[in-house]
Amino acid sequence: MTLARLAPILFVLLWSTGWISAKYGAHFADPLTFLVVRYGVAVVLFFILCRVSGVSWPKHRSGWLHAIVSGIFLHGLYLGMVWWAIGQGVPAALSGIIAGLQPLMTGVAAAALIGEDLSVTQRIGLFVGFVGIAIAVLPNVVVIDAETIPVYAVAINVLAMACVTAGTIYQKRYLKEGDLRAVATLQYVGALLVTVPAAFLLEDMHVDWSFGFFATLAWSVLGISMGAIALLLYLIRKGDVSKAASLIYLVPPLAAVEAAIAFGEHLTIPMIVGTCVVVLGVYLTNRKPAVPPV
């Protein structure tokens, strides 16, 4: 099988473990502090990879700037908000379901910003998808104890989806050329520009330098920061933004199942039903219209 066929499958499998890593990481370090270490290690490893591979860096200042800005959105703001929300008590399964907002947001943004037309079926899909998110999330927000799962943390988790959508559109629009390894390196530099000051302001910078911490860090860096992100950058560059984003709809079910196995998180009926509705909505949103016969 070629990389083009394997990339979507591998990306979904790797990306779904991000919520589990966030939950595990919270046992060993403050969320943003963990991300600072993760991003720092990723920058070093990607830089070494670029040096060994003889990668060409962007020739113009704008190329450096665009890569750093996209990293601020894709990693600094998006992952920072998700990890912080999970650290505040948002269940990994619920956070994964909220991730279903991304392809829906991307469909709207792509139509408005880069001229991707939406058919009637795709517009219906957007509505159905948001209904699915409401079914999955709202019952939990209504009945939760604010001290157990703060509503503001759920809101931050939703805002994170807007950030990753902005980053995806920005990258597709401004990073059409350049080696993906160099782009990834600069993106993590951008992530550090946001995450380091946030960690200093919001956390005590606590880290438990234990085996569990290093094991979680290793997977977060190698499996997600390098593996999954490299695949995502590849998919964005090779295909439509909406096509790459549509893969996210497979993540919520996987993340929910993984959270149930790893942490014993309860899968409620609204979460299961809402996830199914989200899958239908995203499928309709990203389905290519039939080409009429000539």
C-alpha atoms as a PDB file:
ATOM      1  CA  MET A   1       0.000   0.000   0.000  1.00  0.00           C
ATOM      2  CA  THR A   2       1.210   3.507  -0.801  1.00  0.00           C
ATOM      3  CA  LEU A   3       1.623   6.310   1.711  1.00  0.00           C
ATOM      4  CA  ALA A   4      -1.404   8.037   0.187  1.00  0.00           C
ATOM      5  CA  ARG A   5      -3.578   5.059   1.188  1.00  0.00           C
ATOM      6  CA  LEU A   6      -1.980   4.407   4.562  1.00  0.00           C
ATOM      7  CA  ALA A   7      -1.682   8.027   5.711  1.00  0.00           C
ATOM      8  CA  PRO A   8      -5.387   8.597   6.553  1.00  0.00           C
ATOM      9  CA  ILE A   9      -5.628   5.364   8.561  1.00  0.00           C
ATOM     10  CA  LEU A  10      -2.387   5.945  10.445  1.00  0.00           C
ATOM     11  CA  PHE A  11      -3.286   9.567  11.140  1.00  0.00           C
ATOM     12  CA  VAL A  12      -6.651   8.693  12.703  1.00  0.00           C
ATOM     13  CA  LEU A  13      -5.141   5.943  14.853  1.00  0.00           C
ATOM     14  CA  LEU A  14      -2.301   8.147  16.110  1.00  0.00           C
ATOM     15  CA  TRP A  15      -4.371  11.316  16.508  1.00  0.00           C
ATOM     16  CA  SER A  16      -7.041   9.585  18.590  1.00  0.00           C
ATOM     17  CA  THR A  17      -4.457   8.778  21.260  1.00  0.00           C
ATOM     18  CA  GLY A  18      -3.836  12.477  21.871  1.00  0.00           C
ATOM     19  CA  TRP A  19      -6.683  12.699  24.382  1.00  0.00           C
ATOM     20  CA  ILE A  20      -5.411   9.631  26.236  1.00  0.00           C
ATOM     21  CA  SER A  21      -1.918  11.128  26.371  1.00  0.00           C
ATOM     22  CA  ALA A  22      -3.355  14.367  27.759  1.00  0.00           C
ATOM     23  CA  LYS A  23      -5.146  12.451  30.504  1.00  0.00           C
ATOM     24  CA  TYR A  24      -2.059  10.412  31.382  1.00  0.00           C
ATOM     25  CA  GLY A  25       0.222  13.438  31.189  1.00  0.00           C
ATOM     26  CA  ALA A  26      -1.876  15.257  33.801  1.00  0.00           C
ATOM     27  CA  HIS A  27      -0.741  12.673  36.367  1.00  0.00           C
ATOM     28  CA  PHE A  28       2.916  13.658  35.949  1.00  0.00           C
ATOM     29  CA  ALA A  29       2.972  17.364  35.080  1.00  0.00           C
ATOM     30  CA  ASP A  30       0.826  20.448  34.743  1.00  0.00           C
ATOM     31  CA  PRO A  31      -0.819  20.327  31.277  1.00  0.00           C
ATOM     32  CA  LEU A  32       0.830  23.371  29.714  1.00  0.00           C
ATOM     33  CA  THR A  33       4.155  22.549  31.345  1.00  0.00           C
ATOM     34  CA  PHE A  34       4.013  19.085  29.819  1.00  0.00           C
ATOM     35  CA  LEU A  35       3.379  20.662  26.409  1.00  0.00           C
ATOM     36  CA  VAL A  36       6.353  23.007  26.845  1.00  0.00           C
ATOM     37  CA  VAL A  37       8.630  20.001  27.362  1.00  0.00           C
ATOM     38  CA  ARG A  38       6.936  18.119  24.517  1.00  0.00           C
ATOM     39  CA  TYR A  39       7.279  20.990  22.055  1.00  0.00           C
ATOM     40  CA  GLY A  40      10.869  21.638  23.086  1.00  0.00           C
ATOM     41  CA  VAL A  41      11.842  18.020  22.477  1.00  0.00           C
ATOM     42  CA  ALA A  42       9.947  18.038  19.163  1.00  0.00           C
ATOM     43  CA  VAL A  43      11.820  21.140  17.988  1.00  0.00           C
ATOM     44  CA  VAL A  44      15.178  19.544  18.801  1.00  0.00           C
ATOM     45  CA  LEU A  45      14.336  16.219  17.126  1.00  0.00           C
ATOM     46  CA  PHE A  46      12.866  17.840  14.023  1.00  0.00           C
ATOM     47  CA  PHE A  47      15.866  20.171  13.758  1.00  0.00           C
ATOM     48  CA  ILE A  48      18.253  17.213  13.954  1.00  0.00           C
ATOM     49  CA  LEU A  49      16.187  15.413  11.310  1.00  0.00           C
ATOM     50  CA  CYS A  50      16.365  18.468   9.064  1.00  0.00           C
ATOM     51  CA  ARG A  51      20.126  18.750   9.497  1.00  0.00           C
ATOM     52  CA  VAL A  52      20.748  15.067   8.810  1.00  0.00           C
ATOM     53  CA  SER A  53      18.422  15.076   5.804  1.00  0.00           C
ATOM     54  CA  GLY A  54      19.842  18.283   4.344  1.00  0.00           C
ATOM     55  CA  VAL A  55      16.427  19.939   4.329  1.00  0.00           C
ATOM     56  CA  SER A  56      16.128  23.352   2.713  1.00  0.00           C
ATOM     57  CA  TRP A  57      14.635  26.029   4.956  1.00  0.00           C
ATOM     58  CA  PRO A  58      12.212  28.666   3.603  1.00  0.00           C
ATOM     59  CA  LYS A  59      14.021  31.087   1.340  1.00  0.00           C
ATOM     60  CA  HIS A  60      11.923  34.104   2.268  1.00  0.00           C
ATOM     61  CA  ARG A  61      11.042  35.652   5.601  1.00  0.00           C
ATOM     62  CA  SER A  62       7.350  35.240   4.831  1.00  0.00           C
ATOM     63  CA  GLY A  63       7.803  31.449   4.683  1.00  0.00           C
ATOM     64  CA  TRP A  64       9.268  31.423   8.202  1.00  0.00           C
ATOM     65  CA  LEU A  65       6.519  33.718   9.469  1.00  0.00           C
ATOM     66  CA  HIS A  66       3.675  31.697   7.963  1.00  0.00           C
ATOM     67  CA  ALA A  67       5.033  28.462   9.417  1.00  0.00           C
ATOM     68  CA  ILE A  68       5.380  29.987  12.883  1.00  0.00           C
ATOM     69  CA  VAL A  69       1.904  31.551  12.794  1.00  0.00           C
ATOM     70  CA  SER A  70       0.295  28.295  11.698  1.00  0.00           C
ATOM     71  CA  GLY A  71       2.105  26.567  14.579  1.00  0.00           C
ATOM     72  CA  ILE A  72       0.689  29.084  17.034  1.00  0.00           C
ATOM     73  CA  PHE A  73      -2.831  28.059  15.997  1.00  0.00           C
ATOM     74  CA  LEU A  74      -2.344  24.334  15.302  1.00  0.00           C
ATOM     75  CA  HIS A  75      -0.266  23.512  18.376  1.00  0.00           C
ATOM     76  CA  GLY A  76       0.084  26.433  20.750  1.00  0.00           C
ATOM     77  CA  LEU A  77      -3.557  27.489  20.995  1.00  0.00           C
ATOM     78  CA  TYR A  78      -5.345  24.307  19.947  1.00  0.00           C
ATOM     79  CA  LEU A  79      -3.455  21.684  21.947  1.00  0.00           C
ATOM     80  CA  GLY A  80      -2.802  24.118  24.776  1.00  0.00           C
ATOM     81  CA  MET A  81      -6.529  24.698  25.240  1.00  0.00           C
ATOM     82  CA  VAL A  82      -7.432  21.005  24.895  1.00  0.00           C
ATOM     83  CA  TRP A  83      -4.796  19.822  27.383  1.00  0.00           C
ATOM     84  CA  TRP A  84      -5.657  22.613  29.816  1.00  0.00           C
ATOM     85  CA  ALA A  85      -9.383  21.778  29.599  1.00  0.00           C
ATOM     86  CA  ILE A  86      -8.704  18.084  30.241  1.00  0.00           C
ATOM     87  CA  GLY A  87      -6.483  19.084  33.148  1.00  0.00           C
ATOM     88  CA  GLN A  88      -9.446  21.054  34.535  1.00  0.00           C
ATOM     89  CA  GLY A  89     -11.625  17.931  34.524  1.00  0.00           C
ATOM     90  CA  VAL A  90     -13.135  17.584  31.050  1.00  0.00           C
ATOM     91  CA  PRO A  91     -13.342  13.812  30.345  1.00  0.00           C
ATOM     92  CA  ALA A  92     -11.123  12.612  27.503  1.00  0.00           C
ATOM     93  CA  ALA A  93     -14.128  10.996  25.781  1.00  0.00           C
ATOM     94  CA  LEU A  94     -16.164  14.223  25.896  1.00  0.00           C
ATOM     95  CA  SER A  95     -13.178  16.246  24.662  1.00  0.00           C
ATOM     96  CA  GLY A  96     -12.778  13.827  21.767  1.00  0.00           C
ATOM     97  CA  ILE A  97     -16.424  14.228  20.811  1.00  0.00           C
ATOM     98  CA  ILE A  98     -16.066  18.015  20.845  1.00  0.00           C
ATOM     99  CA  ALA A  99     -13.292  17.480  18.291  1.00  0.00           C
ATOM    100  CA  GLY A 100     -16.079  16.620  15.866  1.00  0.00           C
ATOM    101  CA  LEU A 101     -16.635  20.365  15.582  1.00  0.00           C
ATOM    102  CA  GLN A 102     -13.427  20.812  13.601  1.00  0.00           C
ATOM    103  CA  PRO A 103     -14.452  19.398  10.218  1.00  0.00           C
ATOM    104  CA  LEU A 104     -17.769  21.226  10.460  1.00  0.00           C
ATOM    105  CA  MET A 105     -16.040  24.513  11.244  1.00  0.00           C
ATOM    106  CA  THR A 106     -13.523  23.819   8.496  1.00  0.00           C
ATOM    107  CA  GLY A 107     -16.304  23.286   5.953  1.00  0.00           C
ATOM    108  CA  VAL A 108     -17.776  26.701   6.733  1.00  0.00           C
ATOM    109  CA  ALA A 109     -14.394  28.453   6.838  1.00  0.00           C
ATOM    110  CA  ALA A 110     -13.197  26.826   3.612  1.00  0.00           C
ATOM    111  CA  ALA A 111     -16.300  28.027   1.800  1.00  0.00           C
ATOM    112  CA  ALA A 112     -15.877  31.576   3.090  1.00  0.00           C
ATOM    113  CA  LEU A 113     -12.102  31.966   2.877  1.00  0.00           C
ATOM    114  CA  ILE A 114     -10.752  29.786   0.071  1.00  0.00           C
ATOM    115  CA  GLY A 115     -13.807  29.477  -2.144  1.00  0.00           C
ATOM    116  CA  GLU A 116     -14.821  25.849  -1.583  1.00  0.00           C
ATOM    117  CA  ASP A 117     -18.474  25.705  -2.647  1.00  0.00           C
ATOM    118  CA  LEU A 118     -20.965  23.938  -0.378  1.00  0.00           C
ATOM    119  CA  SER A 119     -23.820  22.000  -1.938  1.00  0.00           C
ATOM    120  CA  VAL A 120     -27.276  21.725  -0.383  1.00  0.00           C
ATOM    121  CA  THR A 121     -26.341  18.281   0.940  1.00  0.00           C
ATOM    122  CA  GLN A 122     -23.183  19.658   2.529  1.00  0.00           C
ATOM    123  CA  ARG A 123     -25.122  22.485   4.175  1.00  0.00           C
ATOM    124  CA  ILE A 124     -27.548  19.936   5.592  1.00  0.00           C
ATOM    125  CA  GLY A 125     -24.539  17.981   6.810  1.00  0.00           C
ATOM    126  CA  LEU A 126     -23.270  21.028   8.707  1.00  0.00           C
ATOM    127  CA  PHE A 127     -26.595  21.382  10.481  1.00  0.00           C
ATOM    128  CA  VAL A 128     -26.810  17.673  11.270  1.00  0.00           C
ATOM    129  CA  GLY A 129     -23.267  17.688  12.618  1.00  0.00           C
ATOM    130  CA  PHE A 130     -23.929  20.556  14.993  1.00  0.00           C
ATOM    131  CA  VAL A 131     -27.079  18.778  16.174  1.00  0.00           C
ATOM    132  CA  GLY A 132     -24.928  15.744  16.930  1.00  0.00           C
ATOM    133  CA  ILE A 133     -22.488  17.815  18.957  1.00  0.00           C
ATOM    134  CA  ALA A 134     -25.408  19.320  20.881  1.00  0.00           C
ATOM    135  CA  ILE A 135     -26.818  15.869  21.645  1.00  0.00           C
ATOM    136  CA  ALA A 136     -23.451  14.620  22.873  1.00  0.00           C
ATOM    137  CA  VAL A 137     -22.329  17.663  24.840  1.00  0.00           C
ATOM    138  CA  LEU A 138     -25.323  19.622  26.146  1.00  0.00           C
ATOM    139  CA  PRO A 139     -26.778  16.905  28.430  1.00  0.00           C
ATOM    140  CA  ASN A 140     -23.371  16.630  30.092  1.00  0.00           C
ATOM    141  CA  VAL A 141     -23.099  20.400  30.491  1.00  0.00           C
ATOM    142  CA  VAL A 142     -26.602  20.675  31.959  1.00  0.00           C
ATOM    143  CA  VAL A 143     -26.220  17.950  34.581  1.00  0.00           C
ATOM    144  CA  ILE A 144     -22.566  18.285  35.535  1.00  0.00           C
ATOM    145  CA  ASP A 145     -21.436  19.624  38.858  1.00  0.00           C
ATOM    146  CA  ALA A 146     -19.528  22.807  38.044  1.00  0.00           C
ATOM    147  CA  GLU A 147     -16.892  21.801  40.583  1.00  0.00           C
ATOM    148  CA  THR A 148     -16.397  18.428  38.860  1.00  0.00           C
ATOM    149  CA  ILE A 149     -16.382  19.483  35.196  1.00  0.00           C
ATOM    150  CA  PRO A 150     -16.298  23.292  34.949  1.00  0.00           C
ATOM    151  CA  VAL A 151     -18.471  24.659  32.175  1.00  0.00           C
ATOM    152  CA  TYR A 152     -15.762  27.187  31.281  1.00  0.00           C
ATOM    153  CA  ALA A 153     -13.347  24.306  30.614  1.00  0.00           C
ATOM    154  CA  VAL A 154     -15.821  22.772  28.158  1.00  0.00           C
ATOM    155  CA  ALA A 155     -16.139  26.186  26.472  1.00  0.00           C
ATOM    156  CA  ILE A 156     -12.333  26.443  26.175  1.00  0.00           C
ATOM    157  CA  ASN A 157     -12.309  22.969  24.613  1.00  0.00           C
ATOM    158  CA  VAL A 158     -14.819  24.153  22.001  1.00  0.00           C
ATOM    159  CA  LEU A 159     -12.780  27.311  21.339  1.00  0.00           C
ATOM    160  CA  ALA A 160      -9.768  25.091  20.698  1.00  0.00           C
ATOM    161  CA  MET A 161     -11.600  23.620  17.698  1.00  0.00           C
ATOM    162  CA  ALA A 162     -11.909  27.104  16.206  1.00  0.00           C
ATOM    163  CA  CYS A 163      -8.153  27.570  16.605  1.00  0.00           C
ATOM    164  CA  VAL A 164      -7.229  24.333  14.842  1.00  0.00           C
ATOM    165  CA  THR A 165      -9.675  25.196  12.063  1.00  0.00           C
ATOM    166  CA  ALA A 166      -8.005  28.591  11.617  1.00  0.00           C
ATOM    167  CA  GLY A 167      -4.597  26.927  11.569  1.00  0.00           C
ATOM    168  CA  THR A 168      -5.660  24.368   8.973  1.00  0.00           C
ATOM    169  CA  ILE A 169      -7.088  27.021   6.636  1.00  0.00           C
ATOM    170  CA  TYR A 170      -4.076  29.279   7.189  1.00  0.00           C
ATOM    171  CA  GLN A 171      -1.649  26.508   6.330  1.00  0.00           C
ATOM    172  CA  LYS A 172      -3.522  25.502   3.193  1.00  0.00           C
ATOM    173  CA  ARG A 173      -3.586  29.107   2.027  1.00  0.00           C
ATOM    174  CA  TYR A 174      -0.045  30.247   2.850  1.00  0.00           C
ATOM    175  CA  LEU A 175       2.137  27.114   3.112  1.00  0.00           C
ATOM    176  CA  LYS A 176       1.780  25.517  -0.289  1.00  0.00           C
ATOM    177  CA  GLU A 177       5.521  24.990  -0.749  1.00  0.00           C
ATOM    178  CA  GLY A 178       8.558  24.081   1.324  1.00  0.00           C
ATOM    179  CA  ASP A 179       9.786  20.922   2.985  1.00  0.00           C
ATOM    180  CA  LEU A 180       7.250  19.645   5.523  1.00  0.00           C
ATOM    181  CA  ARG A 181      10.006  18.770   8.007  1.00  0.00           C
ATOM    182  CA  ALA A 182      11.211  22.377   8.079  1.00  0.00           C
ATOM    183  CA  VAL A 183       7.612  23.595   8.328  1.00  0.00           C
ATOM    184  CA  ALA A 184       6.942  21.288  11.276  1.00  0.00           C
ATOM    185  CA  THR A 185      10.084  22.497  13.080  1.00  0.00           C
ATOM    186  CA  LEU A 186       9.064  26.137  12.753  1.00  0.00           C
ATOM    187  CA  GLN A 187       5.497  25.332  13.776  1.00  0.00           C
ATOM    188  CA  TYR A 188       6.687  23.954  17.092  1.00  0.00           C
ATOM    189  CA  VAL A 189       8.761  27.098  17.590  1.00  0.00           C
ATOM    190  CA  GLY A 190       5.511  29.023  17.168  1.00  0.00           C
ATOM    191  CA  ALA A 191       3.811  26.698  19.642  1.00  0.00           C
ATOM    192  CA  LEU A 192       6.479  27.461  22.247  1.00  0.00           C
ATOM    193  CA  LEU A 193       5.945  31.200  21.787  1.00  0.00           C
ATOM    194  CA  VAL A 194       2.405  30.751  23.102  1.00  0.00           C
ATOM    195  CA  THR A 195       2.755  27.843  25.522  1.00  0.00           C
ATOM    196  CA  VAL A 196       5.790  28.982  27.526  1.00  0.00           C
ATOM    197  CA  PRO A 197       4.285  32.286  28.766  1.00  0.00           C
ATOM    198  CA  ALA A 198       0.900  30.602  29.333  1.00  0.00           C
ATOM    199  CA  ALA A 199       2.520  27.924  31.496  1.00  0.00           C
ATOM    200  CA  PHE A 200       4.373  30.546  33.541  1.00  0.00           C
ATOM    201  CA  LEU A 201       1.194  32.549  34.095  1.00  0.00           C
ATOM    202  CA  LEU A 202      -1.287  29.741  34.775  1.00  0.00           C
ATOM    203  CA  GLU A 203       0.722  26.921  36.354  1.00  0.00           C
ATOM    204  CA  ASP A 204       3.363  26.109  38.942  1.00  0.00           C
ATOM    205  CA  MET A 205       5.491  24.381  36.265  1.00  0.00           C
ATOM    206  CA  HIS A 206       5.364  21.123  38.242  1.00  0.00           C
ATOM    207  CA  VAL A 207       6.907  18.022  36.653  1.00  0.00           C
ATOM    208  CA  ASP A 208       7.232  14.545  38.154  1.00  0.00           C
ATOM    209  CA  TRP A 209      10.339  13.237  36.387  1.00  0.00           C
ATOM    210  CA  SER A 210       9.234   9.607  36.628  1.00  0.00           C
ATOM    211  CA  PHE A 211       9.146   6.701  34.203  1.00  0.00           C
ATOM    212  CA  GLY A 212       5.467   7.401  33.545  1.00  0.00           C
ATOM    213  CA  PHE A 213       6.263  10.970  32.555  1.00  0.00           C
ATOM    214  CA  PHE A 214       9.010   9.950  30.123  1.00  0.00           C
ATOM    215  CA  ALA A 215       6.888   7.149  28.642  1.00  0.00           C
ATOM    216  CA  THR A 216       3.963   9.533  28.025  1.00  0.00           C
ATOM    217  CA  LEU A 217       6.367  12.175  26.689  1.00  0.00           C
ATOM    218  CA  ALA A 218       7.977   9.694  24.295  1.00  0.00           C
ATOM    219  CA  TRP A 219       4.651   8.706  22.785  1.00  0.00           C
ATOM    220  CA  SER A 220       3.401  12.292  22.670  1.00  0.00           C
ATOM    221  CA  VAL A 221       6.519  13.433  20.792  1.00  0.00           C
ATOM    222  CA  LEU A 222       7.260  10.477  18.516  1.00  0.00           C
ATOM    223  CA  GLY A 223       3.749   9.172  17.940  1.00  0.00           C
ATOM    224  CA  ILE A 224       1.761  12.399  17.844  1.00  0.00           C
ATOM    225  CA  SER A 225       3.960  15.501  17.512  1.00  0.00           C
ATOM    226  CA  MET A 226       6.137  13.877  14.835  1.00  0.00           C
ATOM    227  CA  GLY A 227       4.107  10.977  13.439  1.00  0.00           C
ATOM    228  CA  ALA A 228       0.528  12.237  13.406  1.00  0.00           C
ATOM    229  CA  ILE A 229       1.399  15.863  12.630  1.00  0.00           C
ATOM    230  CA  ALA A 230       3.678  14.879   9.738  1.00  0.00           C
ATOM    231  CA  LEU A 231       0.811  12.829   8.303  1.00  0.00           C
ATOM    232  CA  LEU A 232      -1.647  15.710   8.781  1.00  0.00           C
ATOM    233  CA  LEU A 233       0.660  18.170   7.012  1.00  0.00           C
ATOM    234  CA  TYR A 234       1.053  15.650   4.197  1.00  0.00           C
ATOM    235  CA  LEU A 235      -2.718  15.192   3.871  1.00  0.00           C
ATOM    236  CA  ILE A 236      -3.417  18.940   3.909  1.00  0.00           C
ATOM    237  CA  ARG A 237      -0.871  19.551   1.177  1.00  0.00           C
ATOM    238  CA  LYS A 238      -1.905  16.618  -1.014  1.00  0.00           C
ATOM    239  CA  GLY A 239      -5.672  17.069  -0.804  1.00  0.00           C
ATOM    240  CA  ASP A 240      -8.497  19.457  -0.050  1.00  0.00           C
ATOM    241  CA  VAL A 241      -8.700  21.031   3.365  1.00  0.00           C
ATOM    242  CA  SER A 242     -12.176  19.576   3.856  1.00  0.00           C
ATOM    243  CA  LYS A 243     -10.976  16.108   2.895  1.00  0.00           C
ATOM    244  CA  ALA A 244      -8.142  16.198   5.417  1.00  0.00           C
ATOM    245  CA  ALA A 245     -10.381  17.624   8.126  1.00  0.00           C
ATOM    246  CA  SER A 246     -13.084  15.037   7.466  1.00  0.00           C
ATOM    247  CA  LEU A 247     -10.805  12.356   8.919  1.00  0.00           C
ATOM    248  CA  ILE A 248     -11.366  13.909  12.344  1.00  0.00           C
ATOM    249  CA  TYR A 249     -14.895  12.491  12.411  1.00  0.00           C
ATOM    250  CA  LEU A 250     -13.371   9.052  13.022  1.00  0.00           C
ATOM    251  CA  VAL A 251     -11.491  10.280  16.082  1.00  0.00           C
ATOM    252  CA  PRO A 252     -14.344  10.764  18.616  1.00  0.00           C
ATOM    253  CA  PRO A 253     -15.479   7.108  18.606  1.00  0.00           C
ATOM    254  CA  LEU A 254     -11.890   5.885  18.889  1.00  0.00           C
ATOM    255  CA  ALA A 255     -11.011   8.376  21.633  1.00  0.00           C
ATOM    256  CA  ALA A 256     -14.160   7.492  23.583  1.00  0.00           C
ATOM    257  CA  VAL A 257     -13.442   3.758  23.387  1.00  0.00           C
ATOM    258  CA  GLU A 258      -9.790   4.292  24.335  1.00  0.00           C
ATOM    259  CA  ALA A 259     -10.832   6.462  27.314  1.00  0.00           C
ATOM    260  CA  ALA A 260     -13.302   3.806  28.455  1.00  0.00           C
ATOM    261  CA  ILE A 261     -10.588   1.142  28.320  1.00  0.00           C
ATOM    262  CA  ALA A 262      -7.780   3.231  29.803  1.00  0.00           C
ATOM    263  CA  PHE A 263      -9.659   5.219  32.455  1.00  0.00           C
ATOM    264  CA  GLY A 264     -13.030   3.530  32.809  1.00  0.00           C
ATOM    265  CA  GLU A 265     -14.853   6.645  31.588  1.00  0.00           C
ATOM    266  CA  HIS A 266     -18.575   6.007  31.183  1.00  0.00           C
ATOM    267  CA  LEU A 267     -20.001   6.170  27.670  1.00  0.00           C
ATOM    268  CA  THR A 268     -23.455   7.709  28.023  1.00  0.00           C
ATOM    269  CA  ILE A 269     -26.288   7.137  25.571  1.00  0.00           C
ATOM    270  CA  PRO A 270     -26.303  10.825  24.465  1.00  0.00           C
ATOM    271  CA  MET A 271     -22.555  10.628  23.776  1.00  0.00           C
ATOM    272  CA  ILE A 272     -22.957   7.491  21.654  1.00  0.00           C
ATOM    273  CA  VAL A 273     -26.011   8.806  19.772  1.00  0.00           C
ATOM    274  CA  GLY A 274     -24.454  12.257  19.326  1.00  0.00           C
ATOM    275  CA  THR A 275     -21.268  10.747  17.936  1.00  0.00           C
ATOM    276  CA  CYS A 276     -23.264   8.755  15.363  1.00  0.00           C
ATOM    277  CA  VAL A 277     -25.111  11.912  14.322  1.00  0.00           C
ATOM    278  CA  VAL A 278     -21.818  13.805  14.036  1.00  0.00           C
ATOM    279  CA  VAL A 279     -20.426  11.070  11.793  1.00  0.00           C
ATOM    280  CA  LEU A 280     -23.469  11.374   9.534  1.00  0.00           C
ATOM    281  CA  GLY A 281     -23.225  15.167   9.469  1.00  0.00           C
ATOM    282  CA  VAL A 282     -19.535  15.227   8.612  1.00  0.00           C
ATOM    283  CA  TYR A 283     -20.055  12.565   5.940  1.00  0.00           C
ATOM    284  CA  LEU A 284     -22.734  14.688   4.289  1.00  0.00           C
ATOM    285  CA  THR A 285     -20.635  17.830   4.648  1.00  0.00           C
ATOM    286  CA  ASN A 286     -17.570  16.334   2.983  1.00  0.00           C
ATOM    287  CA  ARG A 287     -19.240  14.082   0.407  1.00  0.00           C
ATOM    288  CA  LYS A 288     -18.303  15.142  -3.092  1.00  0.00           C
ATOM    289  CA  PRO A 289     -21.303  15.937  -5.290  1.00  0.00           C
ATOM    290  CA  ALA A 290     -21.947  13.565  -8.158  1.00  0.00           C
ATOM    291  CA  VAL A 291     -20.547  14.682 -11.476  1.00  0.00           C
ATOM    292  CA  PRO A 292     -23.344  14.931 -14.049  1.00  0.00           C
ATOM    293  CA  PRO A 293     -22.800  12.956 -17.272  1.00  0.00           C
ATOM    294  CA  VAL A 294     -21.519  14.933 -20.176  1.00  0.00           C
END
